[in-house]
Amino acid sequence: MNSPTLLMVVSSLLFALMGVCVKFASAQYGAGELVFYRSLVGLLLMGTVLRARGVSLRTPVPAMHFWRSASGVTALCMWFYAIGNLPLATAMTLNYMSSVWIALFLVGGAVLLGTERGGIDGRLVAAVLAGFAGVAMVLRPTIAQQQLWHGVVGLGSGLLAAVAYLQVTALGRVGESGARVVFYFSVGGLVAGAALTVLAGGPHGHTWRGAGLLLAIGVLATLGQWMMTRAYATGATLGVAALQYLGIAYSFGFGVWLFDDPMTPLALIGMLLIVAAGVAATLLRGQTPRSDATPTET
């Protein structure tokens, strides 16, 4: 499977299936436990890959890995929490706001630098405003159901995912391999997940169904992450980024089919606005991620 288009189509499906497993598993496990087991599986898989490739775990930039893991793992925890408490498509959409957040960072940076030095692209501003208009539409039914806190957490997961993406880009620029970045992200998730589990009163007991869901979350997330990395490394940035939003469509279908998630016309319009804003922001940023600086799930 070498086609970037096919890789991203399948990757988006795998992340949507991971979301389904997270939502099912949330009935038995807390968000911290889900992050712990997802990271444990990812750590074992990526450790095996690094060993097979003969890539050393030693890194010259441990501080950069720490901050990337801190933001990425926090985003992951918030995302899993949102998936467990919101309609699946809503939680996925809010997390996919990361492209719009990055555009907002760029606009803010241009404002701080001054228009003469940084310049402010009106189209980028319009994309940001459209994205947040979409958020308001998506969250409208959530507010009506007294779930605003969960919506805010989901929105925060997208914000921190944007921060993590920028840090992954910085790591790629200093020559860090994508596999090593993912490995240390998994280490961070393992530590944070264990700490959150202890703070929440300790781990829950397992059932065969629960253990199967935990394993599926880790495998689906790791495979989806790998396919996304390959797609960004070999395909056109805009086309790949647009296909990434298929995850929202998949999640919408799974949410209605498996969880009877309510979906209003206003929320659907909001999702389309966010997708359009995210694709436009990616195009206007004019950045081409390198193979070792590609976005991950967080």
C-alpha atoms as a PDB file:
ATOM      1  CA  MET A   1       0.000   0.000   0.000  1.00  0.00           C
ATOM      2  CA  ASN A   2       2.103   2.892  -1.318  1.00  0.00           C
ATOM      3  CA  SER A   3      -0.493   5.299  -2.743  1.00  0.00           C
ATOM      4  CA  PRO A   4      -0.667   8.436  -0.530  1.00  0.00           C
ATOM      5  CA  THR A   5      -4.373   8.736  -1.272  1.00  0.00           C
ATOM      6  CA  LEU A   6      -5.104   5.162  -0.228  1.00  0.00           C
ATOM      7  CA  LEU A   7      -2.854   5.473   2.818  1.00  0.00           C
ATOM      8  CA  MET A   8      -4.734   8.541   4.084  1.00  0.00           C
ATOM      9  CA  VAL A   9      -8.166   7.066   3.329  1.00  0.00           C
ATOM     10  CA  VAL A  10      -7.295   3.961   5.362  1.00  0.00           C
ATOM     11  CA  SER A  11      -5.520   5.996   8.068  1.00  0.00           C
ATOM     12  CA  SER A  12      -8.621   8.163   8.581  1.00  0.00           C
ATOM     13  CA  LEU A  13     -10.743   5.025   8.845  1.00  0.00           C
ATOM     14  CA  LEU A  14      -8.376   3.501  11.422  1.00  0.00           C
ATOM     15  CA  PHE A  15      -8.506   6.645  13.587  1.00  0.00           C
ATOM     16  CA  ALA A  16     -12.305   6.655  13.375  1.00  0.00           C
ATOM     17  CA  LEU A  17     -12.367   2.984  14.420  1.00  0.00           C
ATOM     18  CA  MET A  18     -10.010   3.860  17.267  1.00  0.00           C
ATOM     19  CA  GLY A  19     -12.529   6.494  18.343  1.00  0.00           C
ATOM     20  CA  VAL A  20     -15.281   3.855  18.311  1.00  0.00           C
ATOM     21  CA  CYS A  21     -13.162   1.586  20.535  1.00  0.00           C
ATOM     22  CA  VAL A  22     -12.366   4.480  22.877  1.00  0.00           C
ATOM     23  CA  LYS A  23     -16.054   5.303  23.227  1.00  0.00           C
ATOM     24  CA  PHE A  24     -16.936   1.689  23.998  1.00  0.00           C
ATOM     25  CA  ALA A  25     -13.997   1.303  26.397  1.00  0.00           C
ATOM     26  CA  SER A  26     -14.854   4.563  28.202  1.00  0.00           C
ATOM     27  CA  ALA A  27     -17.729   2.734  29.860  1.00  0.00           C
ATOM     28  CA  GLN A  28     -15.169   0.567  31.689  1.00  0.00           C
ATOM     29  CA  TYR A  29     -11.951   2.623  31.843  1.00  0.00           C
ATOM     30  CA  GLY A  30     -10.984   6.201  32.609  1.00  0.00           C
ATOM     31  CA  ALA A  31      -9.236   8.448  30.083  1.00  0.00           C
ATOM     32  CA  GLY A  32      -5.905   7.992  31.884  1.00  0.00           C
ATOM     33  CA  GLU A  33      -6.109   4.213  31.591  1.00  0.00           C
ATOM     34  CA  LEU A  34      -6.983   4.418  27.912  1.00  0.00           C
ATOM     35  CA  VAL A  35      -3.971   6.643  27.276  1.00  0.00           C
ATOM     36  CA  PHE A  36      -1.748   4.292  29.278  1.00  0.00           C
ATOM     37  CA  TYR A  37      -2.696   1.160  27.342  1.00  0.00           C
ATOM     38  CA  ARG A  38      -2.750   2.948  24.001  1.00  0.00           C
ATOM     39  CA  SER A  39       0.786   4.187  24.729  1.00  0.00           C
ATOM     40  CA  LEU A  40       1.963   0.789  25.967  1.00  0.00           C
ATOM     41  CA  VAL A  41       0.961  -0.880  22.702  1.00  0.00           C
ATOM     42  CA  GLY A  42       2.476   1.973  20.696  1.00  0.00           C
ATOM     43  CA  LEU A  43       5.706   1.781  22.694  1.00  0.00           C
ATOM     44  CA  LEU A  44       6.082  -1.949  22.061  1.00  0.00           C
ATOM     45  CA  LEU A  45       5.336  -1.622  18.350  1.00  0.00           C
ATOM     46  CA  MET A  46       7.592   1.402  17.768  1.00  0.00           C
ATOM     47  CA  GLY A  47      10.349  -0.088  19.909  1.00  0.00           C
ATOM     48  CA  THR A  48      10.270  -3.168  17.688  1.00  0.00           C
ATOM     49  CA  VAL A  49      10.418  -1.020  14.549  1.00  0.00           C
ATOM     50  CA  LEU A  50      13.361   1.014  15.853  1.00  0.00           C
ATOM     51  CA  ARG A  51      15.222  -2.122  16.839  1.00  0.00           C
ATOM     52  CA  ALA A  52      14.602  -3.722  13.444  1.00  0.00           C
ATOM     53  CA  ARG A  53      15.875  -0.601  11.684  1.00  0.00           C
ATOM     54  CA  GLY A  54      18.874  -0.281  13.956  1.00  0.00           C
ATOM     55  CA  VAL A  55      17.862   3.232  15.041  1.00  0.00           C
ATOM     56  CA  SER A  56      19.320   4.332  18.375  1.00  0.00           C
ATOM     57  CA  LEU A  57      17.018   5.631  21.119  1.00  0.00           C
ATOM     58  CA  ARG A  58      19.620   8.221  22.115  1.00  0.00           C
ATOM     59  CA  THR A  59      18.540  11.727  21.185  1.00  0.00           C
ATOM     60  CA  PRO A  60      20.499  15.004  21.170  1.00  0.00           C
ATOM     61  CA  VAL A  61      17.343  17.016  21.944  1.00  0.00           C
ATOM     62  CA  PRO A  62      15.652  15.439  24.989  1.00  0.00           C
ATOM     63  CA  ALA A  63      14.077  18.742  26.050  1.00  0.00           C
ATOM     64  CA  MET A  64      12.290  19.063  22.707  1.00  0.00           C
ATOM     65  CA  HIS A  65      10.915  15.552  23.073  1.00  0.00           C
ATOM     66  CA  PHE A  66       9.733  16.383  26.592  1.00  0.00           C
ATOM     67  CA  TRP A  67       7.720  19.422  25.511  1.00  0.00           C
ATOM     68  CA  ARG A  68       6.360  17.655  22.441  1.00  0.00           C
ATOM     69  CA  SER A  69       5.241  14.745  24.583  1.00  0.00           C
ATOM     70  CA  ALA A  70       3.780  17.050  27.245  1.00  0.00           C
ATOM     71  CA  SER A  71       1.543  18.867  24.778  1.00  0.00           C
ATOM     72  CA  GLY A  72       0.727  15.796  22.683  1.00  0.00           C
ATOM     73  CA  VAL A  73      -0.122  13.533  25.605  1.00  0.00           C
ATOM     74  CA  THR A  74      -2.265  16.211  27.254  1.00  0.00           C
ATOM     75  CA  ALA A  75      -4.117  16.647  23.965  1.00  0.00           C
ATOM     76  CA  LEU A  76      -4.594  12.881  23.730  1.00  0.00           C
ATOM     77  CA  CYS A  77      -6.007  12.669  27.270  1.00  0.00           C
ATOM     78  CA  MET A  78      -8.423  15.515  26.577  1.00  0.00           C
ATOM     79  CA  TRP A  79      -9.443  13.962  23.260  1.00  0.00           C
ATOM     80  CA  PHE A  80     -10.179  10.550  24.799  1.00  0.00           C
ATOM     81  CA  TYR A  81     -12.164  12.265  27.569  1.00  0.00           C
ATOM     82  CA  ALA A  82     -14.195  14.171  24.961  1.00  0.00           C
ATOM     83  CA  ILE A  83     -14.840  11.022  22.911  1.00  0.00           C
ATOM     84  CA  GLY A  84     -16.216   9.315  26.004  1.00  0.00           C
ATOM     85  CA  ASN A  85     -18.632  12.160  26.777  1.00  0.00           C
ATOM     86  CA  LEU A  86     -19.649  13.689  23.437  1.00  0.00           C
ATOM     87  CA  PRO A  87     -21.108  12.386  20.185  1.00  0.00           C
ATOM     88  CA  LEU A  88     -18.231  10.694  18.376  1.00  0.00           C
ATOM     89  CA  ALA A  89     -18.276  12.993  15.323  1.00  0.00           C
ATOM     90  CA  THR A  90     -18.363  16.101  17.547  1.00  0.00           C
ATOM     91  CA  ALA A  91     -15.309  15.004  19.522  1.00  0.00           C
ATOM     92  CA  MET A  92     -13.419  14.136  16.330  1.00  0.00           C
ATOM     93  CA  THR A  93     -14.328  17.445  14.685  1.00  0.00           C
ATOM     94  CA  LEU A  94     -13.180  19.546  17.644  1.00  0.00           C
ATOM     95  CA  ASN A  95      -9.838  17.722  17.714  1.00  0.00           C
ATOM     96  CA  TYR A  96      -9.416  18.273  13.964  1.00  0.00           C
ATOM     97  CA  MET A  97      -9.523  22.036  14.595  1.00  0.00           C
ATOM     98  CA  SER A  98      -5.732  21.863  14.947  1.00  0.00           C
ATOM     99  CA  SER A  99      -5.134  23.247  11.436  1.00  0.00           C
ATOM    100  CA  VAL A 100      -7.312  26.255  12.230  1.00  0.00           C
ATOM    101  CA  TRP A 101      -5.474  26.814  15.515  1.00  0.00           C
ATOM    102  CA  ILE A 102      -2.133  26.794  13.673  1.00  0.00           C
ATOM    103  CA  ALA A 103      -3.527  29.403  11.272  1.00  0.00           C
ATOM    104  CA  LEU A 104      -4.584  31.487  14.277  1.00  0.00           C
ATOM    105  CA  PHE A 105      -1.055  31.230  15.691  1.00  0.00           C
ATOM    106  CA  LEU A 106       0.314  32.521  12.380  1.00  0.00           C
ATOM    107  CA  VAL A 107      -2.151  35.414  12.300  1.00  0.00           C
ATOM    108  CA  GLY A 108      -1.324  36.255  15.915  1.00  0.00           C
ATOM    109  CA  GLY A 109       2.381  36.142  15.149  1.00  0.00           C
ATOM    110  CA  ALA A 110       1.891  38.511  12.217  1.00  0.00           C
ATOM    111  CA  VAL A 111       0.001  40.916  14.475  1.00  0.00           C
ATOM    112  CA  LEU A 112       2.771  40.845  17.077  1.00  0.00           C
ATOM    113  CA  LEU A 113       5.449  41.375  14.430  1.00  0.00           C
ATOM    114  CA  GLY A 114       3.527  44.159  12.776  1.00  0.00           C
ATOM    115  CA  THR A 115       2.007  44.052   9.318  1.00  0.00           C
ATOM    116  CA  GLU A 116       5.137  45.407   7.695  1.00  0.00           C
ATOM    117  CA  ARG A 117       7.293  42.535   8.921  1.00  0.00           C
ATOM    118  CA  GLY A 118       4.910  39.634   9.292  1.00  0.00           C
ATOM    119  CA  GLY A 119       2.027  40.565   7.023  1.00  0.00           C
ATOM    120  CA  ILE A 120      -1.543  39.414   7.635  1.00  0.00           C
ATOM    121  CA  ASP A 121      -3.234  37.357   4.945  1.00  0.00           C
ATOM    122  CA  GLY A 122      -6.917  38.259   4.943  1.00  0.00           C
ATOM    123  CA  ARG A 123      -7.777  34.847   3.519  1.00  0.00           C
ATOM    124  CA  LEU A 124      -6.098  33.161   6.478  1.00  0.00           C
ATOM    125  CA  VAL A 125      -8.073  35.374   8.861  1.00  0.00           C
ATOM    126  CA  ALA A 126     -11.255  34.400   7.021  1.00  0.00           C
ATOM    127  CA  ALA A 127     -10.369  30.701   7.364  1.00  0.00           C
ATOM    128  CA  VAL A 128      -9.859  31.124  11.112  1.00  0.00           C
ATOM    129  CA  LEU A 129     -13.168  32.958  11.514  1.00  0.00           C
ATOM    130  CA  ALA A 130     -14.977  30.304   9.457  1.00  0.00           C
ATOM    131  CA  GLY A 131     -13.459  27.582  11.617  1.00  0.00           C
ATOM    132  CA  PHE A 132     -14.661  29.166  14.828  1.00  0.00           C
ATOM    133  CA  ALA A 133     -18.090  29.836  13.338  1.00  0.00           C
ATOM    134  CA  GLY A 134     -18.195  26.101  12.628  1.00  0.00           C
ATOM    135  CA  VAL A 135     -17.234  25.376  16.238  1.00  0.00           C
ATOM    136  CA  ALA A 136     -20.130  27.523  17.476  1.00  0.00           C
ATOM    137  CA  MET A 137     -22.535  25.548  15.284  1.00  0.00           C
ATOM    138  CA  VAL A 138     -21.130  22.190  16.366  1.00  0.00           C
ATOM    139  CA  LEU A 139     -21.276  23.108  20.048  1.00  0.00           C
ATOM    140  CA  ARG A 140     -24.788  24.580  19.904  1.00  0.00           C
ATOM    141  CA  PRO A 141     -26.556  21.235  20.555  1.00  0.00           C
ATOM    142  CA  THR A 142     -23.857  20.369  23.083  1.00  0.00           C
ATOM    143  CA  ILE A 143     -24.621  23.510  25.087  1.00  0.00           C
ATOM    144  CA  ALA A 144     -28.317  22.681  24.932  1.00  0.00           C
ATOM    145  CA  GLN A 145     -27.566  19.281  26.485  1.00  0.00           C
ATOM    146  CA  GLN A 146     -25.525  20.808  29.337  1.00  0.00           C
ATOM    147  CA  GLN A 147     -22.289  19.329  27.994  1.00  0.00           C
ATOM    148  CA  LEU A 148     -20.415  22.572  27.439  1.00  0.00           C
ATOM    149  CA  TRP A 149     -17.498  21.452  29.632  1.00  0.00           C
ATOM    150  CA  HIS A 150     -16.954  18.362  27.500  1.00  0.00           C
ATOM    151  CA  GLY A 151     -17.048  20.526  24.392  1.00  0.00           C
ATOM    152  CA  VAL A 152     -14.474  22.912  25.825  1.00  0.00           C
ATOM    153  CA  VAL A 153     -12.201  19.956  26.628  1.00  0.00           C
ATOM    154  CA  GLY A 154     -12.572  18.680  23.060  1.00  0.00           C
ATOM    155  CA  LEU A 155     -11.745  22.119  21.687  1.00  0.00           C
ATOM    156  CA  GLY A 156      -8.707  22.285  23.972  1.00  0.00           C
ATOM    157  CA  SER A 157      -7.500  18.954  22.612  1.00  0.00           C
ATOM    158  CA  GLY A 158      -7.380  20.487  19.141  1.00  0.00           C
ATOM    159  CA  LEU A 159      -5.465  23.507  20.443  1.00  0.00           C
ATOM    160  CA  LEU A 160      -2.813  21.376  22.118  1.00  0.00           C
ATOM    161  CA  ALA A 161      -2.674  19.070  19.084  1.00  0.00           C
ATOM    162  CA  ALA A 162      -1.710  22.143  17.052  1.00  0.00           C
ATOM    163  CA  VAL A 163       1.051  22.961  19.536  1.00  0.00           C
ATOM    164  CA  ALA A 164       2.271  19.356  19.346  1.00  0.00           C
ATOM    165  CA  TYR A 165       2.278  19.463  15.542  1.00  0.00           C
ATOM    166  CA  LEU A 166       4.487  22.565  15.527  1.00  0.00           C
ATOM    167  CA  GLN A 167       6.862  20.841  17.936  1.00  0.00           C
ATOM    168  CA  VAL A 168       6.982  17.732  15.713  1.00  0.00           C
ATOM    169  CA  THR A 169       7.871  20.021  12.810  1.00  0.00           C
ATOM    170  CA  ALA A 170      10.672  21.556  14.871  1.00  0.00           C
ATOM    171  CA  LEU A 171      11.994  18.086  15.745  1.00  0.00           C
ATOM    172  CA  GLY A 172      12.003  17.151  12.077  1.00  0.00           C
ATOM    173  CA  ARG A 173      14.016  20.243  11.260  1.00  0.00           C
ATOM    174  CA  VAL A 174      16.785  19.222  13.656  1.00  0.00           C
ATOM    175  CA  GLY A 175      16.947  15.768  12.079  1.00  0.00           C
ATOM    176  CA  GLU A 176      14.949  13.584  14.467  1.00  0.00           C
ATOM    177  CA  SER A 177      13.381  10.521  12.857  1.00  0.00           C
ATOM    178  CA  GLY A 178       9.603  10.183  12.901  1.00  0.00           C
ATOM    179  CA  ALA A 179       9.843   6.753  14.522  1.00  0.00           C
ATOM    180  CA  ARG A 180      11.887   8.109  17.436  1.00  0.00           C
ATOM    181  CA  VAL A 181       9.451  11.018  17.883  1.00  0.00           C
ATOM    182  CA  VAL A 182       6.533   8.580  18.096  1.00  0.00           C
ATOM    183  CA  PHE A 183       8.495   6.328  20.471  1.00  0.00           C
ATOM    184  CA  TYR A 184       9.133   9.114  22.977  1.00  0.00           C
ATOM    185  CA  PHE A 185       5.553  10.309  22.609  1.00  0.00           C
ATOM    186  CA  SER A 186       4.478   6.808  23.654  1.00  0.00           C
ATOM    187  CA  VAL A 187       6.854   6.962  26.624  1.00  0.00           C
ATOM    188  CA  GLY A 188       5.237  10.221  27.704  1.00  0.00           C
ATOM    189  CA  GLY A 189       1.773   8.739  27.309  1.00  0.00           C
ATOM    190  CA  LEU A 190       2.744   5.717  29.374  1.00  0.00           C
ATOM    191  CA  VAL A 191       3.984   7.870  32.254  1.00  0.00           C
ATOM    192  CA  ALA A 192       1.108  10.350  32.145  1.00  0.00           C
ATOM    193  CA  GLY A 193      -1.504   7.614  31.781  1.00  0.00           C
ATOM    194  CA  ALA A 194      -0.106   5.724  34.770  1.00  0.00           C
ATOM    195  CA  ALA A 195      -0.098   8.893  36.890  1.00  0.00           C
ATOM    196  CA  LEU A 196      -3.673   9.775  35.968  1.00  0.00           C
ATOM    197  CA  THR A 197      -4.787   6.219  36.666  1.00  0.00           C
ATOM    198  CA  VAL A 198      -3.272   6.320  40.163  1.00  0.00           C
ATOM    199  CA  LEU A 199      -4.820   9.728  40.874  1.00  0.00           C
ATOM    200  CA  ALA A 200      -8.209   8.409  39.770  1.00  0.00           C
ATOM    201  CA  GLY A 201      -8.066   5.588  42.326  1.00  0.00           C
ATOM    202  CA  GLY A 202      -6.158   2.881  40.506  1.00  0.00           C
ATOM    203  CA  PRO A 203      -6.780   0.666  37.479  1.00  0.00           C
ATOM    204  CA  HIS A 204     -10.056  -1.083  36.793  1.00  0.00           C
ATOM    205  CA  GLY A 205     -10.350  -4.823  36.432  1.00  0.00           C
ATOM    206  CA  HIS A 206     -10.247  -6.339  32.955  1.00  0.00           C
ATOM    207  CA  THR A 207     -12.722  -8.408  30.996  1.00  0.00           C
ATOM    208  CA  TRP A 208     -11.961 -10.148  27.712  1.00  0.00           C
ATOM    209  CA  ARG A 209     -14.000  -7.497  25.923  1.00  0.00           C
ATOM    210  CA  GLY A 210     -12.240  -4.669  27.724  1.00  0.00           C
ATOM    211  CA  ALA A 211      -8.779  -6.081  27.080  1.00  0.00           C
ATOM    212  CA  GLY A 212      -9.638  -6.567  23.412  1.00  0.00           C
ATOM    213  CA  LEU A 213     -10.768  -2.944  23.126  1.00  0.00           C
ATOM    214  CA  LEU A 214      -7.559  -1.705  24.763  1.00  0.00           C
ATOM    215  CA  LEU A 215      -5.425  -3.739  22.385  1.00  0.00           C
ATOM    216  CA  ALA A 216      -7.458  -2.531  19.416  1.00  0.00           C
ATOM    217  CA  ILE A 217      -7.044   1.119  20.456  1.00  0.00           C
ATOM    218  CA  GLY A 218      -3.262   0.769  20.567  1.00  0.00           C
ATOM    219  CA  VAL A 219      -2.957  -1.140  17.293  1.00  0.00           C
ATOM    220  CA  LEU A 220      -5.397   1.063  15.363  1.00  0.00           C
ATOM    221  CA  ALA A 221      -3.764   4.268  16.626  1.00  0.00           C
ATOM    222  CA  THR A 222      -0.238   3.106  15.820  1.00  0.00           C
ATOM    223  CA  LEU A 223      -1.115   1.804  12.344  1.00  0.00           C
ATOM    224  CA  GLY A 224      -3.144   4.912  11.582  1.00  0.00           C
ATOM    225  CA  GLN A 225      -0.262   7.094  12.717  1.00  0.00           C
ATOM    226  CA  TRP A 226       2.234   5.197  10.564  1.00  0.00           C
ATOM    227  CA  MET A 227       0.009   5.376   7.468  1.00  0.00           C
ATOM    228  CA  MET A 228      -0.570   9.094   7.986  1.00  0.00           C
ATOM    229  CA  THR A 229       3.164   9.659   8.256  1.00  0.00           C
ATOM    230  CA  ARG A 230       3.781   7.761   5.019  1.00  0.00           C
ATOM    231  CA  ALA A 231       0.986   9.649   3.242  1.00  0.00           C
ATOM    232  CA  TYR A 232       2.398  13.047   4.195  1.00  0.00           C
ATOM    233  CA  ALA A 233       5.903  11.926   3.267  1.00  0.00           C
ATOM    234  CA  THR A 234       4.994  10.825  -0.257  1.00  0.00           C
ATOM    235  CA  GLY A 235       1.889  12.809  -1.236  1.00  0.00           C
ATOM    236  CA  ALA A 236       0.847  16.391  -1.960  1.00  0.00           C
ATOM    237  CA  THR A 237       0.274  18.206   1.317  1.00  0.00           C
ATOM    238  CA  LEU A 238      -3.089  19.763   0.479  1.00  0.00           C
ATOM    239  CA  GLY A 239      -4.592  16.592  -0.961  1.00  0.00           C
ATOM    240  CA  VAL A 240      -3.445  14.490   1.978  1.00  0.00           C
ATOM    241  CA  ALA A 241      -4.661  17.068   4.509  1.00  0.00           C
ATOM    242  CA  ALA A 242      -8.077  17.203   2.842  1.00  0.00           C
ATOM    243  CA  LEU A 243      -8.422  13.415   2.928  1.00  0.00           C
ATOM    244  CA  GLN A 244      -7.556  13.423   6.631  1.00  0.00           C
ATOM    245  CA  TYR A 245     -10.954  15.004   7.277  1.00  0.00           C
ATOM    246  CA  LEU A 246     -12.618  11.811   6.071  1.00  0.00           C
ATOM    247  CA  GLY A 247     -12.196  10.787   9.712  1.00  0.00           C
ATOM    248  CA  ILE A 248     -15.067  13.128  10.591  1.00  0.00           C
ATOM    249  CA  ALA A 249     -17.347  11.529   7.991  1.00  0.00           C
ATOM    250  CA  TYR A 250     -16.437   8.037   9.176  1.00  0.00           C
ATOM    251  CA  SER A 251     -17.052   9.056  12.784  1.00  0.00           C
ATOM    252  CA  PHE A 252     -20.401  10.569  11.918  1.00  0.00           C
ATOM    253  CA  GLY A 253     -21.499   7.294  10.320  1.00  0.00           C
ATOM    254  CA  PHE A 254     -20.234   5.165  13.197  1.00  0.00           C
ATOM    255  CA  GLY A 255     -21.778   7.513  15.777  1.00  0.00           C
ATOM    256  CA  VAL A 256     -25.242   7.366  14.252  1.00  0.00           C
ATOM    257  CA  TRP A 257     -25.016   3.619  13.579  1.00  0.00           C
ATOM    258  CA  LEU A 258     -23.487   2.363  16.823  1.00  0.00           C
ATOM    259  CA  PHE A 259     -24.325   5.005  19.442  1.00  0.00           C
ATOM    260  CA  ASP A 260     -27.508   6.654  18.132  1.00  0.00           C
ATOM    261  CA  ASP A 261     -25.686   9.986  18.327  1.00  0.00           C
ATOM    262  CA  PRO A 262     -28.013  12.936  17.647  1.00  0.00           C
ATOM    263  CA  MET A 263     -26.951  15.196  14.804  1.00  0.00           C
ATOM    264  CA  THR A 264     -28.696  18.444  13.872  1.00  0.00           C
ATOM    265  CA  PRO A 265     -28.482  20.208  10.484  1.00  0.00           C
ATOM    266  CA  LEU A 266     -26.725  23.104  12.239  1.00  0.00           C
ATOM    267  CA  ALA A 267     -24.017  20.776  13.580  1.00  0.00           C
ATOM    268  CA  LEU A 268     -23.521  19.238  10.138  1.00  0.00           C
ATOM    269  CA  ILE A 269     -23.079  22.682   8.582  1.00  0.00           C
ATOM    270  CA  GLY A 270     -20.597  23.501  11.351  1.00  0.00           C
ATOM    271  CA  MET A 271     -18.560  20.368  10.579  1.00  0.00           C
ATOM    272  CA  LEU A 272     -18.428  21.286   6.890  1.00  0.00           C
ATOM    273  CA  LEU A 273     -17.255  24.792   7.817  1.00  0.00           C
ATOM    274  CA  ILE A 274     -14.485  23.399  10.005  1.00  0.00           C
ATOM    275  CA  VAL A 275     -13.358  21.005   7.266  1.00  0.00           C
ATOM    276  CA  ALA A 276     -13.330  23.808   4.690  1.00  0.00           C
ATOM    277  CA  ALA A 277     -11.470  26.114   7.072  1.00  0.00           C
ATOM    278  CA  GLY A 278      -8.909  23.441   7.897  1.00  0.00           C
ATOM    279  CA  VAL A 279      -8.208  22.642   4.246  1.00  0.00           C
ATOM    280  CA  ALA A 280      -7.994  26.349   3.359  1.00  0.00           C
ATOM    281  CA  ALA A 281      -5.665  27.032   6.273  1.00  0.00           C
ATOM    282  CA  THR A 282      -3.390  24.190   5.176  1.00  0.00           C
ATOM    283  CA  LEU A 283      -3.287  25.555   1.624  1.00  0.00           C
ATOM    284  CA  LEU A 284      -2.648  29.139   2.706  1.00  0.00           C
ATOM    285  CA  ARG A 285       0.129  28.213   5.123  1.00  0.00           C
ATOM    286  CA  GLY A 286       2.027  26.998   2.087  1.00  0.00           C
ATOM    287  CA  GLN A 287       4.015  24.512   4.171  1.00  0.00           C
ATOM    288  CA  THR A 288       5.113  21.088   2.947  1.00  0.00           C
ATOM    289  CA  PRO A 289       5.762  18.755   5.909  1.00  0.00           C
ATOM    290  CA  ARG A 290       8.845  16.620   5.654  1.00  0.00           C
ATOM    291  CA  SER A 291       8.759  12.881   6.105  1.00  0.00           C
ATOM    292  CA  ASP A 292      10.179  13.279   9.582  1.00  0.00           C
ATOM    293  CA  ALA A 293       7.991  16.218  10.511  1.00  0.00           C
ATOM    294  CA  THR A 294       4.571  14.914   9.674  1.00  0.00           C
ATOM    295  CA  PRO A 295       1.517  15.328  11.862  1.00  0.00           C
ATOM    296  CA  THR A 296       0.539  12.538  14.172  1.00  0.00           C
ATOM    297  CA  GLU A 297      -2.792  11.932  15.831  1.00  0.00           C
ATOM    298  CA  THR A 298      -1.904  14.586  18.376  1.00  0.00           C
END
